[in-house]
Every structure is written in structure tokens, then in C-alpha cells.
């Protein structure tokens, strides 16, 4: 069945030197394109030629200033679907199953939602981390970018999209959206790379992320927080 705009997903992927991961993700998204959904890739100034990676595998390739918030907003500006679905380039997923859950959630009256997440590594501690991440999100109604946030296009525009901040944009938007409703929780898991955890240490990364979220909640400028977050990449 071909999607019309009322049940069409615009899948928006911000990238910055992510060509290898992007190529793998685009392969996984092709069944969705065959159903009439669209893929939008927004580059923030990469050196690895993401446009070549996208050739014949995405409906739109566009550019913007670097920064996920600006890139995702730029993707939304060219999107034709009624539903915006934001994915990180290193995501791995069963796209048809995920879209089925998105459409079911939106059809039931939800205006936004997110997925449970799985970390890609095999360390048993990562299983604990991902479980805690999913529980935290279910309890607080706050989602992060690696959880595949989706939202009705008109609601995204009405609430002026992602805030133009260098970090925590994926926390800031759900805080506003929670005033409308708690997010739909889709239980199909999106796998995201665990390299940050493995490279910097699982406990160290947990403590850093907790600190960043607490500092942001207390009003610390995201520009200052970005300086602490940058070594985690």
C-alpha cells in the first residue's frame, strides 16, 4: 500500500561525517520508500561526501549549518509527510515494523512518541544501561534523539521545532511536548551505537550524562555543556 500524506512519514537524518553508518541506515530504509514514505538527509558540512551516499536512496539531500537542531529543522522545512520521524545516522532498525507502530500511535490520537532503544555492544552492563534508559523515558516522558522521536508535522511547526541550542535539543523539545501529552512508547527497539560508552567508559559516560541533564535542568547554558560533551564523541 502506498502512503498518502495523511499517513506518510518523512524520515529526517542529520549527518556530519557519518557516511559509513548512513549508508547502512539507508539500506534499511528502502522498504519504507517503496511504501511511499520519504527519506531526507541533512548534512552539516561533512568531508565524506554524504550526497554520493544518498544518490538514488533518498528523496531529499540538503545542507544547513552544523548542529543537529538546525539540521533537523532544515529537514522538516522540506518534508512532505504528515509525520516527521527523526533518526540518528547510526541507527539500526526494522523500518516496516517501526512505521507500523508510528502509524498505530498517531492513529490512536497520540501527537508524538519515541521508541525503546538498544545499545549495539555486547557488554552485559550495556543491557542494564539500555533498560534504565527505557524505564527513565517511560517514567518521565522525556525522550532522547537516539530513541527515534516522531511527531505530527503540524504540531512540530506549531511549537517551532527544535530549539537552536548546541546540546540538549532532544531533551528540550520533549519537555515542551509533554505539556500536550506523554509520548507514545513504541516497543520495537532502535539499536544505536555504543561506541561512546565503550570508548569513554560505561560508568564515566553514565555519570557525565546524568550531570549534563541535571545541569541543563538547573539552567546551565547549553553552550557551556557542549564543551563537556564534546570529548564523548
C-alpha atoms as a PDB file:
ATOM      1  CA  UNK A   1       0.000   0.000   0.000  1.00  0.00           C
ATOM      2  CA  UNK A   2       1.313   3.439  -0.933  1.00  0.00           C
ATOM      3  CA  UNK A   3       1.216   6.083   1.775  1.00  0.00           C
ATOM      4  CA  UNK A   4      -0.655   9.336   1.202  1.00  0.00           C
ATOM      5  CA  UNK A   5       0.346  12.496   3.052  1.00  0.00           C
ATOM      6  CA  UNK A   6      -2.058  11.759   5.923  1.00  0.00           C
ATOM      7  CA  UNK A   7      -0.083   8.647   6.857  1.00  0.00           C
ATOM      8  CA  UNK A   8       3.248   9.430   5.206  1.00  0.00           C
ATOM      9  CA  UNK A   9       6.419   9.538   7.264  1.00  0.00           C
ATOM     10  CA  UNK A  10       9.214  11.942   6.426  1.00  0.00           C
ATOM     11  CA  UNK A  11      12.327  10.304   7.866  1.00  0.00           C
ATOM     12  CA  UNK A  12      14.872  13.019   8.695  1.00  0.00           C
ATOM     13  CA  UNK A  13      18.526  12.150   9.291  1.00  0.00           C
ATOM     14  CA  UNK A  14      21.079  14.804  10.335  1.00  0.00           C
ATOM     15  CA  UNK A  15      24.639  13.814   9.400  1.00  0.00           C
ATOM     16  CA  UNK A  16      28.171  15.028   9.957  1.00  0.00           C
ATOM     17  CA  UNK A  17      30.930  12.744   8.679  1.00  0.00           C
ATOM     18  CA  UNK A  18      28.661   9.701   9.070  1.00  0.00           C
ATOM     19  CA  UNK A  19      28.923   8.240   5.551  1.00  0.00           C
ATOM     20  CA  UNK A  20      29.548   4.611   6.556  1.00  0.00           C
ATOM     21  CA  UNK A  21      26.750   4.492   9.134  1.00  0.00           C
ATOM     22  CA  UNK A  22      24.461   6.471   6.837  1.00  0.00           C
ATOM     23  CA  UNK A  23      24.925   4.005   4.007  1.00  0.00           C
ATOM     24  CA  UNK A  24      23.903   1.107   6.253  1.00  0.00           C
ATOM     25  CA  UNK A  25      20.860   3.004   7.526  1.00  0.00           C
ATOM     26  CA  UNK A  26      19.726   3.993   4.044  1.00  0.00           C
ATOM     27  CA  UNK A  27      19.808   0.324   3.023  1.00  0.00           C
ATOM     28  CA  UNK A  28      17.431  -0.445   5.893  1.00  0.00           C
ATOM     29  CA  UNK A  29      15.076   2.400   4.929  1.00  0.00           C
ATOM     30  CA  UNK A  30      14.472   1.385   1.322  1.00  0.00           C
ATOM     31  CA  UNK A  31      11.370  -0.760   2.087  1.00  0.00           C
ATOM     32  CA  UNK A  32       9.760   2.341   3.599  1.00  0.00           C
ATOM     33  CA  UNK A  33      10.459   4.339   0.455  1.00  0.00           C
ATOM     34  CA  UNK A  34       8.773   1.639  -1.607  1.00  0.00           C
ATOM     35  CA  UNK A  35       5.677   2.144   0.537  1.00  0.00           C
ATOM     36  CA  UNK A  36       5.642   5.877  -0.248  1.00  0.00           C
ATOM     37  CA  UNK A  37       7.453   7.292   2.777  1.00  0.00           C
ATOM     38  CA  UNK A  38      10.323   9.705   2.168  1.00  0.00           C
ATOM     39  CA  UNK A  39      13.917   9.943   3.381  1.00  0.00           C
ATOM     40  CA  UNK A  40      15.555  13.324   3.963  1.00  0.00           C
ATOM     41  CA  UNK A  41      19.266  13.643   4.728  1.00  0.00           C
ATOM     42  CA  UNK A  42      20.589  16.947   6.055  1.00  0.00           C
ATOM     43  CA  UNK A  43      24.346  17.471   6.030  1.00  0.00           C
ATOM     44  CA  UNK A  44      26.092  19.874   8.373  1.00  0.00           C
ATOM     45  CA  UNK A  45      29.334  20.214   6.405  1.00  0.00           C
ATOM     46  CA  UNK A  46      30.760  16.696   6.120  1.00  0.00           C
ATOM     47  CA  UNK A  47      34.058  15.826   4.436  1.00  0.00           C
ATOM     48  CA  UNK A  48      32.999  12.311   3.391  1.00  0.00           C
ATOM     49  CA  UNK A  49      30.579  13.168   0.541  1.00  0.00           C
ATOM     50  CA  UNK A  50      27.237  12.084   2.019  1.00  0.00           C
ATOM     51  CA  UNK A  51      25.459  13.305  -1.098  1.00  0.00           C
ATOM     52  CA  UNK A  52      27.068  10.496  -3.089  1.00  0.00           C
ATOM     53  CA  UNK A  53      25.928   8.006  -0.441  1.00  0.00           C
ATOM     54  CA  UNK A  54      22.359   9.283  -0.798  1.00  0.00           C
ATOM     55  CA  UNK A  55      22.193   9.035  -4.579  1.00  0.00           C
ATOM     56  CA  UNK A  56      19.043   7.089  -5.542  1.00  0.00           C
ATOM     57  CA  UNK A  57      18.475   6.193  -1.892  1.00  0.00           C
ATOM     58  CA  UNK A  58      16.790   9.342  -0.535  1.00  0.00           C
ATOM     59  CA  UNK A  59      14.144  11.778  -1.758  1.00  0.00           C
ATOM     60  CA  UNK A  60      15.965  14.846  -0.498  1.00  0.00           C
ATOM     61  CA  UNK A  61      19.550  15.771   0.288  1.00  0.00           C
ATOM     62  CA  UNK A  62      20.018  19.242   1.714  1.00  0.00           C
ATOM     63  CA  UNK A  63      22.528  21.161   3.803  1.00  0.00           C
ATOM     64  CA  UNK A  64      22.472  23.526   6.731  1.00  0.00           C
ATOM     65  CA  UNK A  65      24.781  24.965   9.315  1.00  0.00           C
ATOM     66  CA  UNK A  66      26.249  22.258  11.543  1.00  0.00           C
ATOM     67  CA  UNK A  67      24.211  21.332  14.601  1.00  0.00           C
ATOM     68  CA  UNK A  68      21.521  18.704  14.958  1.00  0.00           C
ATOM     69  CA  UNK A  69      18.785  21.162  15.873  1.00  0.00           C
ATOM     70  CA  UNK A  70      19.391  23.308  12.793  1.00  0.00           C
ATOM     71  CA  UNK A  71      19.775  20.273  10.550  1.00  0.00           C
ATOM     72  CA  UNK A  72      16.592  18.617  11.769  1.00  0.00           C
ATOM     73  CA  UNK A  73      14.643  21.855  11.402  1.00  0.00           C
ATOM     74  CA  UNK A  74      16.008  22.207   7.864  1.00  0.00           C
ATOM     75  CA  UNK A  75      14.823  18.683   7.102  1.00  0.00           C
ATOM     76  CA  UNK A  76      11.363  19.472   8.434  1.00  0.00           C
ATOM     77  CA  UNK A  77      11.220  22.509   6.160  1.00  0.00           C
ATOM     78  CA  UNK A  78      11.377  20.321   3.036  1.00  0.00           C
ATOM     79  CA  UNK A  79       9.308  17.427   4.388  1.00  0.00           C
ATOM     80  CA  UNK A  80       6.058  16.468   2.654  1.00  0.00           C
ATOM     81  CA  UNK A  81       4.761  13.918   5.139  1.00  0.00           C
ATOM     82  CA  UNK A  82       2.212  14.422   7.873  1.00  0.00           C
ATOM     83  CA  UNK A  83       4.567  12.688  10.333  1.00  0.00           C
ATOM     84  CA  UNK A  84       8.189  13.648  10.980  1.00  0.00           C
ATOM     85  CA  UNK A  85      10.478  10.890  12.237  1.00  0.00           C
ATOM     86  CA  UNK A  86      13.979  11.880  13.340  1.00  0.00           C
ATOM     87  CA  UNK A  87      16.733   9.260  13.235  1.00  0.00           C
ATOM     88  CA  UNK A  88      20.426   9.348  14.029  1.00  0.00           C
ATOM     89  CA  UNK A  89      22.700   8.077  11.272  1.00  0.00           C
ATOM     90  CA  UNK A  90      23.997   5.191  13.403  1.00  0.00           C
ATOM     91  CA  UNK A  91      20.507   3.765  13.997  1.00  0.00           C
ATOM     92  CA  UNK A  92      19.659   0.165  13.105  1.00  0.00           C
ATOM     93  CA  UNK A  93      16.034  -0.902  12.900  1.00  0.00           C
ATOM     94  CA  UNK A  94      13.238  -2.866  11.295  1.00  0.00           C
ATOM     95  CA  UNK A  95      11.747   0.056   9.398  1.00  0.00           C
ATOM     96  CA  UNK A  96       8.421  -1.509   8.393  1.00  0.00           C
ATOM     97  CA  UNK A  97       7.703  -2.655  11.933  1.00  0.00           C
ATOM     98  CA  UNK A  98       8.639   0.763  13.300  1.00  0.00           C
ATOM     99  CA  UNK A  99       6.443   2.634  10.825  1.00  0.00           C
ATOM    100  CA  UNK A 100       3.536   0.331  11.642  1.00  0.00           C
ATOM    101  CA  UNK A 101       3.890   1.294  15.308  1.00  0.00           C
ATOM    102  CA  UNK A 102       4.197   5.001  14.453  1.00  0.00           C
ATOM    103  CA  UNK A 103       1.022   4.937  12.362  1.00  0.00           C
ATOM    104  CA  UNK A 104      -0.824   2.992  15.058  1.00  0.00           C
ATOM    105  CA  UNK A 105       0.233   5.518  17.703  1.00  0.00           C
ATOM    106  CA  UNK A 106      -0.717   8.538  15.598  1.00  0.00           C
ATOM    107  CA  UNK A 107      -3.972   6.841  14.554  1.00  0.00           C
ATOM    108  CA  UNK A 108      -4.889   6.348  18.197  1.00  0.00           C
ATOM    109  CA  UNK A 109      -4.640  10.080  18.837  1.00  0.00           C
ATOM    110  CA  UNK A 110      -1.061  10.496  20.010  1.00  0.00           C
ATOM    111  CA  UNK A 111       0.741  13.507  18.528  1.00  0.00           C
ATOM    112  CA  UNK A 112       4.300  12.376  19.252  1.00  0.00           C
ATOM    113  CA  UNK A 113       6.262   9.435  20.524  1.00  0.00           C
ATOM    114  CA  UNK A 114       9.515   7.531  20.666  1.00  0.00           C
ATOM    115  CA  UNK A 115      10.971   4.022  20.625  1.00  0.00           C
ATOM    116  CA  UNK A 116      12.763   1.903  23.143  1.00  0.00           C
ATOM    117  CA  UNK A 117      16.484   1.803  22.498  1.00  0.00           C
ATOM    118  CA  UNK A 118      19.135  -0.903  22.407  1.00  0.00           C
ATOM    119  CA  UNK A 119      22.889  -0.283  22.578  1.00  0.00           C
ATOM    120  CA  UNK A 120      24.890  -2.159  19.964  1.00  0.00           C
ATOM    121  CA  UNK A 121      27.684  -3.594  22.133  1.00  0.00           C
ATOM    122  CA  UNK A 122      27.766  -6.992  23.840  1.00  0.00           C
ATOM    123  CA  UNK A 123      28.912  -5.928  27.315  1.00  0.00           C
ATOM    124  CA  UNK A 124      26.283  -7.073  29.842  1.00  0.00           C
ATOM    125  CA  UNK A 125      26.435  -3.655  31.509  1.00  0.00           C
ATOM    126  CA  UNK A 126      25.055  -2.090  28.328  1.00  0.00           C
ATOM    127  CA  UNK A 127      21.924  -4.232  28.749  1.00  0.00           C
ATOM    128  CA  UNK A 128      21.459  -2.630  32.169  1.00  0.00           C
ATOM    129  CA  UNK A 129      22.088   0.853  30.773  1.00  0.00           C
ATOM    130  CA  UNK A 130      19.570   0.474  27.948  1.00  0.00           C
ATOM    131  CA  UNK A 131      16.935  -0.926  30.317  1.00  0.00           C
ATOM    132  CA  UNK A 132      17.404   2.054  32.622  1.00  0.00           C
ATOM    133  CA  UNK A 133      17.212   4.439  29.655  1.00  0.00           C
ATOM    134  CA  UNK A 134      13.898   2.934  28.555  1.00  0.00           C
ATOM    135  CA  UNK A 135      12.481   2.924  32.076  1.00  0.00           C
ATOM    136  CA  UNK A 136      13.552   6.545  32.617  1.00  0.00           C
ATOM    137  CA  UNK A 137      11.895   7.620  29.404  1.00  0.00           C
ATOM    138  CA  UNK A 138       8.672   5.763  30.222  1.00  0.00           C
ATOM    139  CA  UNK A 139       8.573   7.292  33.695  1.00  0.00           C
ATOM    140  CA  UNK A 140       9.477  10.893  32.820  1.00  0.00           C
ATOM    141  CA  UNK A 141       8.042  11.240  29.309  1.00  0.00           C
ATOM    142  CA  UNK A 142      11.403  12.595  28.130  1.00  0.00           C
ATOM    143  CA  UNK A 143      12.974  11.069  25.021  1.00  0.00           C
ATOM    144  CA  UNK A 144      16.440  11.448  23.532  1.00  0.00           C
ATOM    145  CA  UNK A 145      17.430  11.663  19.895  1.00  0.00           C
ATOM    146  CA  UNK A 146      18.657   8.087  19.655  1.00  0.00           C
ATOM    147  CA  UNK A 147      15.127   6.917  20.562  1.00  0.00           C
ATOM    148  CA  UNK A 148      13.732   7.921  17.168  1.00  0.00           C
ATOM    149  CA  UNK A 149      11.398  10.759  18.147  1.00  0.00           C
ATOM    150  CA  UNK A 150       8.391  11.152  15.836  1.00  0.00           C
ATOM    151  CA  UNK A 151       5.774  13.902  15.783  1.00  0.00           C
ATOM    152  CA  UNK A 152       2.916  15.167  13.676  1.00  0.00           C
ATOM    153  CA  UNK A 153       4.264  17.724  11.232  1.00  0.00           C
ATOM    154  CA  UNK A 154       1.723  20.405  12.131  1.00  0.00           C
ATOM    155  CA  UNK A 155       2.452  20.042  15.855  1.00  0.00           C
ATOM    156  CA  UNK A 156       6.198  20.335  15.214  1.00  0.00           C
ATOM    157  CA  UNK A 157       5.658  23.554  13.256  1.00  0.00           C
ATOM    158  CA  UNK A 158       3.174  24.955  15.765  1.00  0.00           C
ATOM    159  CA  UNK A 159       5.746  24.530  18.525  1.00  0.00           C
ATOM    160  CA  UNK A 160       8.564  25.979  16.390  1.00  0.00           C
ATOM    161  CA  UNK A 161      10.568  22.777  16.087  1.00  0.00           C
ATOM    162  CA  UNK A 162      13.867  22.162  17.795  1.00  0.00           C
ATOM    163  CA  UNK A 163      15.397  24.980  19.810  1.00  0.00           C
ATOM    164  CA  UNK A 164      18.555  26.455  18.299  1.00  0.00           C
ATOM    165  CA  UNK A 165      20.899  25.208  21.005  1.00  0.00           C
ATOM    166  CA  UNK A 166      24.119  23.187  20.583  1.00  0.00           C
ATOM    167  CA  UNK A 167      23.186  20.411  23.037  1.00  0.00           C
ATOM    168  CA  UNK A 168      20.099  19.024  24.763  1.00  0.00           C
ATOM    169  CA  UNK A 169      17.803  19.988  21.886  1.00  0.00           C
ATOM    170  CA  UNK A 170      16.358  16.478  22.055  1.00  0.00           C
ATOM    171  CA  UNK A 171      15.576  16.971  25.764  1.00  0.00           C
ATOM    172  CA  UNK A 172      14.202  20.488  25.381  1.00  0.00           C
ATOM    173  CA  UNK A 173      11.605  19.600  22.730  1.00  0.00           C
ATOM    174  CA  UNK A 174      10.022  16.697  24.680  1.00  0.00           C
ATOM    175  CA  UNK A 175       9.775  18.945  27.726  1.00  0.00           C
ATOM    176  CA  UNK A 176       7.550  21.268  25.725  1.00  0.00           C
ATOM    177  CA  UNK A 177       5.621  18.451  24.087  1.00  0.00           C
ATOM    178  CA  UNK A 178       4.855  16.834  27.439  1.00  0.00           C
ATOM    179  CA  UNK A 179       2.527  19.748  28.092  1.00  0.00           C
ATOM    180  CA  UNK A 180       0.383  18.361  25.267  1.00  0.00           C
ATOM    181  CA  UNK A 181       0.647  14.698  26.178  1.00  0.00           C
ATOM    182  CA  UNK A 182       3.007  11.954  27.243  1.00  0.00           C
ATOM    183  CA  UNK A 183       4.736  10.346  24.269  1.00  0.00           C
ATOM    184  CA  UNK A 184       3.598   7.117  22.692  1.00  0.00           C
ATOM    185  CA  UNK A 185       6.005   4.370  23.691  1.00  0.00           C
ATOM    186  CA  UNK A 186       6.821   2.104  20.765  1.00  0.00           C
ATOM    187  CA  UNK A 187       8.421  -1.104  21.934  1.00  0.00           C
ATOM    188  CA  UNK A 188      10.181  -2.038  18.688  1.00  0.00           C
ATOM    189  CA  UNK A 189      13.773  -1.278  19.560  1.00  0.00           C
ATOM    190  CA  UNK A 190      16.059   1.045  17.676  1.00  0.00           C
ATOM    191  CA  UNK A 191      19.675  -0.042  18.050  1.00  0.00           C
ATOM    192  CA  UNK A 192      22.164   2.780  18.433  1.00  0.00           C
ATOM    193  CA  UNK A 193      25.948   2.663  18.533  1.00  0.00           C
ATOM    194  CA  UNK A 194      27.537   2.015  21.926  1.00  0.00           C
ATOM    195  CA  UNK A 195      30.940   3.381  20.845  1.00  0.00           C
ATOM    196  CA  UNK A 196      30.636   6.414  23.144  1.00  0.00           C
ATOM    197  CA  UNK A 197      30.119   4.149  26.136  1.00  0.00           C
ATOM    198  CA  UNK A 198      32.872   1.743  25.155  1.00  0.00           C
ATOM    199  CA  UNK A 199      35.413   4.423  24.249  1.00  0.00           C
ATOM    200  CA  UNK A 200      34.940   6.599  27.314  1.00  0.00           C
ATOM    201  CA  UNK A 201      33.917   4.021  29.877  1.00  0.00           C
ATOM    202  CA  UNK A 202      30.389   2.955  30.777  1.00  0.00           C
ATOM    203  CA  UNK A 203      30.322   4.351  34.321  1.00  0.00           C
ATOM    204  CA  UNK A 204      32.073   7.575  33.298  1.00  0.00           C
ATOM    205  CA  UNK A 205      29.610   8.111  30.478  1.00  0.00           C
ATOM    206  CA  UNK A 206      26.600   7.471  32.724  1.00  0.00           C
ATOM    207  CA  UNK A 207      27.864   9.992  35.287  1.00  0.00           C
ATOM    208  CA  UNK A 208      28.601  12.568  32.609  1.00  0.00           C
ATOM    209  CA  UNK A 209      25.147  12.232  31.033  1.00  0.00           C
ATOM    210  CA  UNK A 210      23.458  12.500  34.422  1.00  0.00           C
ATOM    211  CA  UNK A 211      25.493  15.605  35.190  1.00  0.00           C
ATOM    212  CA  UNK A 212      24.683  17.232  31.849  1.00  0.00           C
ATOM    213  CA  UNK A 213      20.944  16.622  32.221  1.00  0.00           C
ATOM    214  CA  UNK A 214      20.920  17.911  35.790  1.00  0.00           C
ATOM    215  CA  UNK A 215      22.920  20.987  34.833  1.00  0.00           C
ATOM    216  CA  UNK A 216      20.567  21.684  31.930  1.00  0.00           C
ATOM    217  CA  UNK A 217      17.549  21.303  34.202  1.00  0.00           C
ATOM    218  CA  UNK A 218      19.130  23.819  36.576  1.00  0.00           C
ATOM    219  CA  UNK A 219      19.569  26.334  33.770  1.00  0.00           C
ATOM    220  CA  UNK A 220      23.204  25.962  32.764  1.00  0.00           C
ATOM    221  CA  UNK A 221      23.798  27.347  29.264  1.00  0.00           C
ATOM    222  CA  UNK A 222      23.933  24.516  26.655  1.00  0.00           C
ATOM    223  CA  UNK A 223      26.961  26.237  25.098  1.00  0.00           C
ATOM    224  CA  UNK A 224      28.895  25.529  28.280  1.00  0.00           C
ATOM    225  CA  UNK A 225      27.571  21.974  28.483  1.00  0.00           C
ATOM    226  CA  UNK A 226      28.660  21.277  24.900  1.00  0.00           C
ATOM    227  CA  UNK A 227      32.275  21.804  25.937  1.00  0.00           C
ATOM    228  CA  UNK A 228      31.944  18.914  28.371  1.00  0.00           C
ATOM    229  CA  UNK A 229      30.049  16.668  25.986  1.00  0.00           C
ATOM    230  CA  UNK A 230      32.392  17.018  23.004  1.00  0.00           C
ATOM    231  CA  UNK A 231      35.088  14.585  24.271  1.00  0.00           C
ATOM    232  CA  UNK A 232      32.447  11.818  24.335  1.00  0.00           C
ATOM    233  CA  UNK A 233      32.330  11.602  20.515  1.00  0.00           C
END
